[in-house]
C-alpha atoms as a PDB file:
ATOM      1  CA  MET A   1     117.945  42.190  77.969  1.00  0.00           C
ATOM      2  CA  ALA A   2     119.152  40.324  81.036  1.00  0.00           C
ATOM      3  CA  LEU A   3     118.526  36.676  81.127  1.00  0.00           C
ATOM      4  CA  THR A   4     117.071  36.771  84.668  1.00  0.00           C
ATOM      5  CA  HIS A   5     113.770  36.984  82.800  1.00  0.00           C
ATOM      6  CA  ASP A   6     110.747  34.775  82.555  1.00  0.00           C
ATOM      7  CA  MET A   7     110.571  33.106  79.154  1.00  0.00           C
ATOM      8  CA  LEU A   8     106.913  33.460  78.146  1.00  0.00           C
ATOM      9  CA  ALA A   9     107.140  31.678  74.777  1.00  0.00           C
ATOM     10  CA  ARG A  10     109.888  30.160  72.713  1.00  0.00           C
ATOM     11  CA  GLY A  11     110.117  29.953  68.984  1.00  0.00           C
ATOM     12  CA  PRO A  12     111.476  30.065  66.417  1.00  0.00           C
ATOM     13  CA  TRP A  13     108.603  31.363  64.355  1.00  0.00           C
ATOM     14  CA  THR A  14     108.487  32.765  60.893  1.00  0.00           C
ATOM     15  CA  PRO A  15     107.302  36.325  60.633  1.00  0.00           C
ATOM     16  CA  ASP A  16     103.849  35.287  59.327  1.00  0.00           C
ATOM     17  CA  GLN A  17     103.441  32.982  62.374  1.00  0.00           C
ATOM     18  CA  VAL A  18     103.534  36.008  64.721  1.00  0.00           C
ATOM     19  CA  THR A  19     100.294  37.960  64.605  1.00  0.00           C
ATOM     20  CA  CYS A  20      98.860  40.751  66.760  1.00  0.00           C
ATOM     21  CA  VAL A  21      95.520  42.272  67.651  1.00  0.00           C
ATOM     22  CA  TRP A  22      95.221  45.815  68.909  1.00  0.00           C
ATOM     23  CA  ARG A  23      92.727  46.724  71.587  1.00  0.00           C
ATOM     24  CA  GLU A  24      91.024  50.085  71.129  1.00  0.00           C
ATOM     25  CA  ASP A  25      91.049  51.049  74.820  1.00  0.00           C
ATOM     26  CA  ALA A  26      94.241  52.645  76.145  1.00  0.00           C
ATOM     27  CA  PHE A  27      95.874  51.297  79.269  1.00  0.00           C
ATOM     28  CA  VAL A  28      95.224  53.359  82.406  1.00  0.00           C
ATOM     29  CA  PRO A  29      98.178  53.082  84.859  1.00  0.00           C
ATOM     30  CA  ASP A  30      97.706  53.571  88.591  1.00  0.00           C
ATOM     31  CA  ALA A  31      98.581  56.980  90.099  1.00  0.00           C
ATOM     32  CA  ALA A  32     101.981  55.813  91.385  1.00  0.00           C
ATOM     33  CA  ASP A  33     103.145  54.535  87.982  1.00  0.00           C
ATOM     34  CA  ASP A  34     101.789  57.670  86.292  1.00  0.00           C
ATOM     35  CA  ALA A  35     103.794  59.868  88.649  1.00  0.00           C
ATOM     36  CA  ALA A  36     106.913  57.761  88.277  1.00  0.00           C
ATOM     37  CA  ALA A  37     106.651  58.149  84.473  1.00  0.00           C
ATOM     38  CA  ASP A  38     106.462  61.944  84.847  1.00  0.00           C
ATOM     39  CA  ALA A  39     109.500  61.930  87.119  1.00  0.00           C
ATOM     40  CA  ALA A  40     111.500  59.699  84.733  1.00  0.00           C
ATOM     41  CA  LEU A  41     110.737  62.060  81.879  1.00  0.00           C
ATOM     42  CA  ALA A  42     111.856  65.050  83.974  1.00  0.00           C
ATOM     43  CA  LYS A  43     115.227  63.320  84.695  1.00  0.00           C
ATOM     44  CA  LEU A  44     115.775  62.758  80.973  1.00  0.00           C
ATOM     45  CA  ARG A  45     115.145  66.460  80.271  1.00  0.00           C
ATOM     46  CA  GLU A  46     117.620  67.379  83.057  1.00  0.00           C
ATOM     47  CA  ARG A  47     120.378  65.502  81.327  1.00  0.00           C
ATOM     48  CA  GLY A  48     119.508  66.890  77.951  1.00  0.00           C
ATOM     49  CA  SER A  49     118.053  63.718  76.441  1.00  0.00           C
ATOM     50  CA  PRO A  50     115.259  64.356  73.917  1.00  0.00           C
ATOM     51  CA  SER A  51     112.016  63.112  75.554  1.00  0.00           C
ATOM     52  CA  HIS A  52     108.558  62.515  74.259  1.00  0.00           C
ATOM     53  CA  ASP A  53     105.501  60.854  75.732  1.00  0.00           C
ATOM     54  CA  GLY A  54     103.334  59.509  72.983  1.00  0.00           C
ATOM     55  CA  LEU A  55     101.699  56.146  72.905  1.00  0.00           C
ATOM     56  CA  ALA A  56     103.377  52.782  72.415  1.00  0.00           C
ATOM     57  CA  ALA A  57     102.463  49.110  72.801  1.00  0.00           C
ATOM     58  CA  ARG A  58     101.636  47.292  76.034  1.00  0.00           C
ATOM     59  CA  LEU A  59     101.335  43.476  76.118  1.00  0.00           C
ATOM     60  CA  ALA A  60      97.773  42.755  77.274  1.00  0.00           C
ATOM     61  CA  SER A  61      97.976  39.025  76.668  1.00  0.00           C
ATOM     62  CA  PHE A  62      99.409  36.374  74.389  1.00  0.00           C
ATOM     63  CA  GLU A  63      98.673  32.870  73.151  1.00  0.00           C
ATOM     64  CA  GLN A  64     100.651  30.157  71.434  1.00  0.00           C
ATOM     65  CA  ARG A  65      98.472  28.218  69.043  1.00  0.00           C
ATOM     66  CA  ASP A  66      98.621  26.450  65.679  1.00  0.00           C
ATOM     67  CA  GLY A  67     102.407  26.603  65.774  1.00  0.00           C
ATOM     68  CA  GLY A  68     102.451  30.425  66.091  1.00  0.00           C
ATOM     69  CA  LEU A  69     102.245  33.263  68.524  1.00  0.00           C
ATOM     70  CA  GLN A  70      99.397  35.728  68.810  1.00  0.00           C
ATOM     71  CA  LEU A  71      99.870  38.931  70.756  1.00  0.00           C
ATOM     72  CA  VAL A  72      97.161  41.163  72.076  1.00  0.00           C
ATOM     73  CA  LEU A  73      98.503  44.739  72.313  1.00  0.00           C
ATOM     74  CA  GLN A  74      97.121  47.879  73.940  1.00  0.00           C
ATOM     75  CA  PRO A  75      98.076  51.572  73.634  1.00  0.00           C
ATOM     76  CA  ALA A  76      99.860  52.927  76.677  1.00  0.00           C
ATOM     77  CA  ARG A  77     102.103  55.832  77.632  1.00  0.00           C
ATOM     78  CA  TRP A  78     105.528  55.396  76.083  1.00  0.00           C
ATOM     79  CA  SER A  79     107.247  56.697  79.280  1.00  0.00           C
ATOM     80  CA  LEU A  80     105.773  53.833  81.359  1.00  0.00           C
ATOM     81  CA  ARG A  81     108.639  51.752  80.052  1.00  0.00           C
ATOM     82  CA  LEU A  82     110.987  53.918  82.181  1.00  0.00           C
ATOM     83  CA  VAL A  83     109.174  53.055  85.400  1.00  0.00           C
ATOM     84  CA  GLY A  84     110.042  49.365  85.919  1.00  0.00           C
ATOM     85  CA  SER A  85     106.550  48.315  86.915  1.00  0.00           C
ATOM     86  CA  HIS A  86     105.349  44.891  85.955  1.00  0.00           C
ATOM     87  CA  ALA A  87     101.777  46.184  85.733  1.00  0.00           C
ATOM     88  CA  THR A  88     102.665  48.303  82.750  1.00  0.00           C
ATOM     89  CA  ARG A  89     104.318  45.489  80.665  1.00  0.00           C
ATOM     90  CA  SER A  90     105.472  47.801  77.902  1.00  0.00           C
ATOM     91  CA  VAL A  91     106.503  45.993  74.743  1.00  0.00           C
ATOM     92  CA  SER A  92     109.947  46.328  73.136  1.00  0.00           C
ATOM     93  CA  VAL A  93     111.507  44.475  70.233  1.00  0.00           C
ATOM     94  CA  LEU A  94     115.076  43.394  69.834  1.00  0.00           C
ATOM     95  CA  LEU A  95     116.375  42.254  66.455  1.00  0.00           C
ATOM     96  CA  VAL A  96     119.806  40.619  66.744  1.00  0.00           C
ATOM     97  CA  VAL A  97     121.746  40.844  63.501  1.00  0.00           C
ATOM     98  CA  ARG A  98     124.286  38.564  61.846  1.00  0.00           C
ATOM     99  CA  ASP A  99     126.018  38.850  58.566  1.00  0.00           C
ATOM    100  CA  ALA A 100     126.648  36.183  55.886  1.00  0.00           C
ATOM    101  CA  GLN A 101     129.797  35.086  57.660  1.00  0.00           C
ATOM    102  CA  GLY A 102     127.975  34.722  60.990  1.00  0.00           C
ATOM    103  CA  ARG A 103     129.452  37.787  62.675  1.00  0.00           C
ATOM    104  CA  TRP A 104     127.308  39.713  65.122  1.00  0.00           C
ATOM    105  CA  LEU A 105     126.442  43.459  64.598  1.00  0.00           C
ATOM    106  CA  ALA A 106     127.088  45.397  67.842  1.00  0.00           C
ATOM    107  CA  GLY A 107     126.692  49.046  68.555  1.00  0.00           C
ATOM    108  CA  ARG A 108     127.489  51.349  71.502  1.00  0.00           C
ATOM    109  CA  ARG A 109     124.431  53.398  72.500  1.00  0.00           C
ATOM    110  CA  ALA A 110     124.912  57.164  72.476  1.00  0.00           C
ATOM    111  CA  PRO A 111     124.844  59.099  75.723  1.00  0.00           C
ATOM    112  CA  TRP A 112     121.726  61.085  74.916  1.00  0.00           C
ATOM    113  CA  LEU A 113     119.450  57.989  74.788  1.00  0.00           C
ATOM    114  CA  ALA A 114     116.872  57.138  77.423  1.00  0.00           C
ATOM    115  CA  SER A 115     118.300  53.751  78.346  1.00  0.00           C
ATOM    116  CA  TRP A 116     121.458  51.594  78.107  1.00  0.00           C
ATOM    117  CA  THR A 117     123.545  54.680  77.459  1.00  0.00           C
ATOM    118  CA  GLY A 118     127.191  54.010  76.682  1.00  0.00           C
ATOM    119  CA  ARG A 119     126.616  50.210  76.627  1.00  0.00           C
ATOM    120  CA  TRP A 120     127.209  47.848  73.780  1.00  0.00           C
ATOM    121  CA  THR A 121     124.125  46.075  72.454  1.00  0.00           C
ATOM    122  CA  LEU A 122     123.312  43.651  69.667  1.00  0.00           C
ATOM    123  CA  GLY A 123     121.361  44.717  66.555  1.00  0.00           C
ATOM    124  CA  ALA A 124     118.455  47.057  66.728  1.00  0.00           C
ATOM    125  CA  GLY A 125     115.518  47.590  69.050  1.00  0.00           C
ATOM    126  CA  GLY A 126     112.867  49.926  70.392  1.00  0.00           C
ATOM    127  CA  ALA A 127     109.262  50.408  71.141  1.00  0.00           C
ATOM    128  CA  VAL A 128     106.287  49.146  69.079  1.00  0.00           C
ATOM    129  CA  GLU A 129     104.151  51.996  67.740  1.00  0.00           C
ATOM    130  CA  VAL A 130     100.441  52.051  68.047  1.00  0.00           C
ATOM    131  CA  GLY A 131      98.797  49.995  65.232  1.00  0.00           C
ATOM    132  CA  GLU A 132     102.146  48.452  64.211  1.00  0.00           C
ATOM    133  CA  SER A 133     102.922  44.773  64.388  1.00  0.00           C
ATOM    134  CA  PRO A 134     106.027  43.838  66.419  1.00  0.00           C
ATOM    135  CA  VAL A 135     107.612  42.174  63.394  1.00  0.00           C
ATOM    136  CA  GLU A 136     107.154  45.428  61.416  1.00  0.00           C
ATOM    137  CA  ALA A 137     108.747  47.245  64.307  1.00  0.00           C
ATOM    138  CA  MET A 138     111.801  44.982  64.170  1.00  0.00           C
ATOM    139  CA  THR A 139     112.395  45.621  60.454  1.00  0.00           C
ATOM    140  CA  ARG A 140     111.627  49.345  60.879  1.00  0.00           C
ATOM    141  CA  GLU A 141     114.115  49.711  63.686  1.00  0.00           C
ATOM    142  CA  LEU A 142     116.759  47.865  61.698  1.00  0.00           C
ATOM    143  CA  GLU A 143     116.377  50.104  58.711  1.00  0.00           C
ATOM    144  CA  GLU A 144     116.237  53.261  60.827  1.00  0.00           C
ATOM    145  CA  GLU A 145     119.278  52.387  62.961  1.00  0.00           C
ATOM    146  CA  TRP A 146     121.464  50.586  60.454  1.00  0.00           C
ATOM    147  CA  SER A 147     120.067  51.271  56.920  1.00  0.00           C
ATOM    148  CA  VAL A 148     119.898  47.542  56.090  1.00  0.00           C
ATOM    149  CA  VAL A 149     117.144  45.082  55.188  1.00  0.00           C
ATOM    150  CA  PRO A 150     117.389  41.457  56.298  1.00  0.00           C
ATOM    151  CA  GLU A 151     117.632  38.554  53.884  1.00  0.00           C
ATOM    152  CA  ARG A 152     115.776  36.355  56.349  1.00  0.00           C
ATOM    153  CA  LEU A 153     114.314  36.824  59.828  1.00  0.00           C
ATOM    154  CA  THR A 154     112.963  34.569  62.550  1.00  0.00           C
ATOM    155  CA  VAL A 155     111.186  35.521  65.796  1.00  0.00           C
ATOM    156  CA  GLU A 156     112.905  33.579  68.572  1.00  0.00           C
ATOM    157  CA  ALA A 157     111.237  34.371  71.923  1.00  0.00           C
ATOM    158  CA  LEU A 158     108.860  36.443  74.013  1.00  0.00           C
ATOM    159  CA  ALA A 159     110.139  37.244  77.510  1.00  0.00           C
ATOM    160  CA  ASP A 160     109.393  39.238  80.632  1.00  0.00           C
ATOM    161  CA  THR A 161     112.290  41.173  82.053  1.00  0.00           C
ATOM    162  CA  PRO A 162     112.952  42.261  85.657  1.00  0.00           C
ATOM    163  CA  ASN A 163     112.307  45.914  84.860  1.00  0.00           C
ATOM    164  CA  GLY A 164     108.745  45.187  83.679  1.00  0.00           C
ATOM    165  CA  LEU A 165     109.274  45.165  79.953  1.00  0.00           C
ATOM    166  CA  ALA A 166     108.047  42.461  77.601  1.00  0.00           C
ATOM    167  CA  PHE A 167     110.623  41.697  74.893  1.00  0.00           C
ATOM    168  CA  LEU A 168     109.989  40.122  71.569  1.00  0.00           C
ATOM    169  CA  VAL A 169     113.395  38.895  70.291  1.00  0.00           C
ATOM    170  CA  GLY A 170     114.187  38.254  66.597  1.00  0.00           C
ATOM    171  CA  LEU A 171     117.168  37.141  64.633  1.00  0.00           C
ATOM    172  CA  ALA A 172     118.006  38.643  61.247  1.00  0.00           C
ATOM    173  CA  TRP A 173     120.590  37.493  58.664  1.00  0.00           C
ATOM    174  CA  LEU A 174     121.901  40.008  56.227  1.00  0.00           C
ATOM    175  CA  PRO A 175     122.740  39.334  52.595  1.00  0.00           C
ATOM    176  CA  ASP A 176     126.378  38.949  51.594  1.00  0.00           C
ATOM    177  CA  GLY A 177     127.897  42.328  51.013  1.00  0.00           C
ATOM    178  CA  ALA A 178     125.368  44.316  53.070  1.00  0.00           C
ATOM    179  CA  GLU A 179     126.859  47.363  54.719  1.00  0.00           C
ATOM    180  CA  ALA A 180     125.458  48.513  58.017  1.00  0.00           C
ATOM    181  CA  VAL A 181     125.525  52.282  58.459  1.00  0.00           C
ATOM    182  CA  PRO A 182     124.693  53.392  62.058  1.00  0.00           C
ATOM    183  CA  ASP A 183     122.429  56.324  62.866  1.00  0.00           C
ATOM    184  CA  ASP A 184     122.994  58.826  65.665  1.00  0.00           C
ATOM    185  CA  GLU A 185     121.730  56.358  68.262  1.00  0.00           C
ATOM    186  CA  HIS A 186     125.161  54.724  68.139  1.00  0.00           C
ATOM    187  CA  ASP A 187     128.561  56.485  68.601  1.00  0.00           C
ATOM    188  CA  ALA A 188     130.513  53.309  67.700  1.00  0.00           C
ATOM    189  CA  HIS A 189     129.863  49.943  66.091  1.00  0.00           C
ATOM    190  CA  ALA A 190     131.656  46.753  65.236  1.00  0.00           C
ATOM    191  CA  TRP A 191     131.189  43.274  63.759  1.00  0.00           C
ATOM    192  CA  TRP A 192     132.015  40.829  66.558  1.00  0.00           C
ATOM    193  CA  PRO A 193     133.305  37.324  65.629  1.00  0.00           C
ATOM    194  CA  SER A 194     130.883  34.456  65.089  1.00  0.00           C
ATOM    195  CA  ASP A 195     132.586  32.729  68.061  1.00  0.00           C
ATOM    196  CA  VAL A 196     131.164  34.396  71.140  1.00  0.00           C
ATOM    197  CA  ALA A 197     134.302  33.285  73.148  1.00  0.00           C
ATOM    198  CA  ALA A 198     136.342  35.604  70.842  1.00  0.00           C
ATOM    199  CA  TRP A 199     134.316  38.691  71.598  1.00  0.00           C
ATOM    200  CA  PRO A 200     136.079  41.801  72.957  1.00  0.00           C
ATOM    201  CA  PRO A 201     135.968  42.850  76.649  1.00  0.00           C
ATOM    202  CA  GLU A 202     133.264  45.504  75.969  1.00  0.00           C
ATOM    203  CA  ALA A 203     130.816  42.637  75.328  1.00  0.00           C
ATOM    204  CA  ASP A 204     129.235  42.331  78.719  1.00  0.00           C
ATOM    205  CA  GLU A 205     127.527  39.283  80.229  1.00  0.00           C
ATOM    206  CA  THR A 206     124.084  40.420  79.141  1.00  0.00           C
ATOM    207  CA  VAL A 207     124.838  40.457  75.398  1.00  0.00           C
ATOM    208  CA  ARG A 208     126.914  37.245  75.686  1.00  0.00           C
ATOM    209  CA  ARG A 209     124.032  35.418  77.204  1.00  0.00           C
ATOM    210  CA  MET A 210     121.662  36.810  74.593  1.00  0.00           C
ATOM    211  CA  ALA A 211     123.974  35.403  71.854  1.00  0.00           C
ATOM    212  CA  ALA A 212     124.100  32.062  73.601  1.00  0.00           C
ATOM    213  CA  LEU A 213     120.325  31.949  73.618  1.00  0.00           C
ATOM    214  CA  LEU A 214     120.194  32.570  69.867  1.00  0.00           C
ATOM    215  CA  ALA A 215     123.276  30.623  68.689  1.00  0.00           C
END
């Protein structure tokens, strides 16, 4: 997530302070965004990336109240997140992970994925499934991608990104002795030092700024 985004809301919040309501009506994109989503899926197929086009979450609205954050979500085409249109506002979650010593879990994304291929990212992330809460999505993605369960978790921020996504960012701490085992979405992984200044060269400016936001 680039930090040239608009910060919509800033925590931290506990998981129970972040609630969501799902609208029953599905989002209907305009014809141009619909066509762009079709074209994006076709490009993924051309390079051999598994592609699907089910439904995922769109951020319809949000409100900060009573010390918490309430999200109103709406079903929308998953592939609209590939378009870069601010009208679609597809929701993704990012759960940054640290261990008991304060190190940061980093993984290099496999070349078959739809986005950020070959780049190093922090923690786990992905789309929010229909009917799912974003906090549930964070812990699900963490378990699917790294086979670990957090000892504690906070939700840190809601932001708009330049490519039209809405990101809910969380921070998870693992219990002492937890072993992260990557799935096939990562072809390499590492524990980066707690001091961001000591990170290796493959840590690009985007992930460094994300760590600075959460540190």
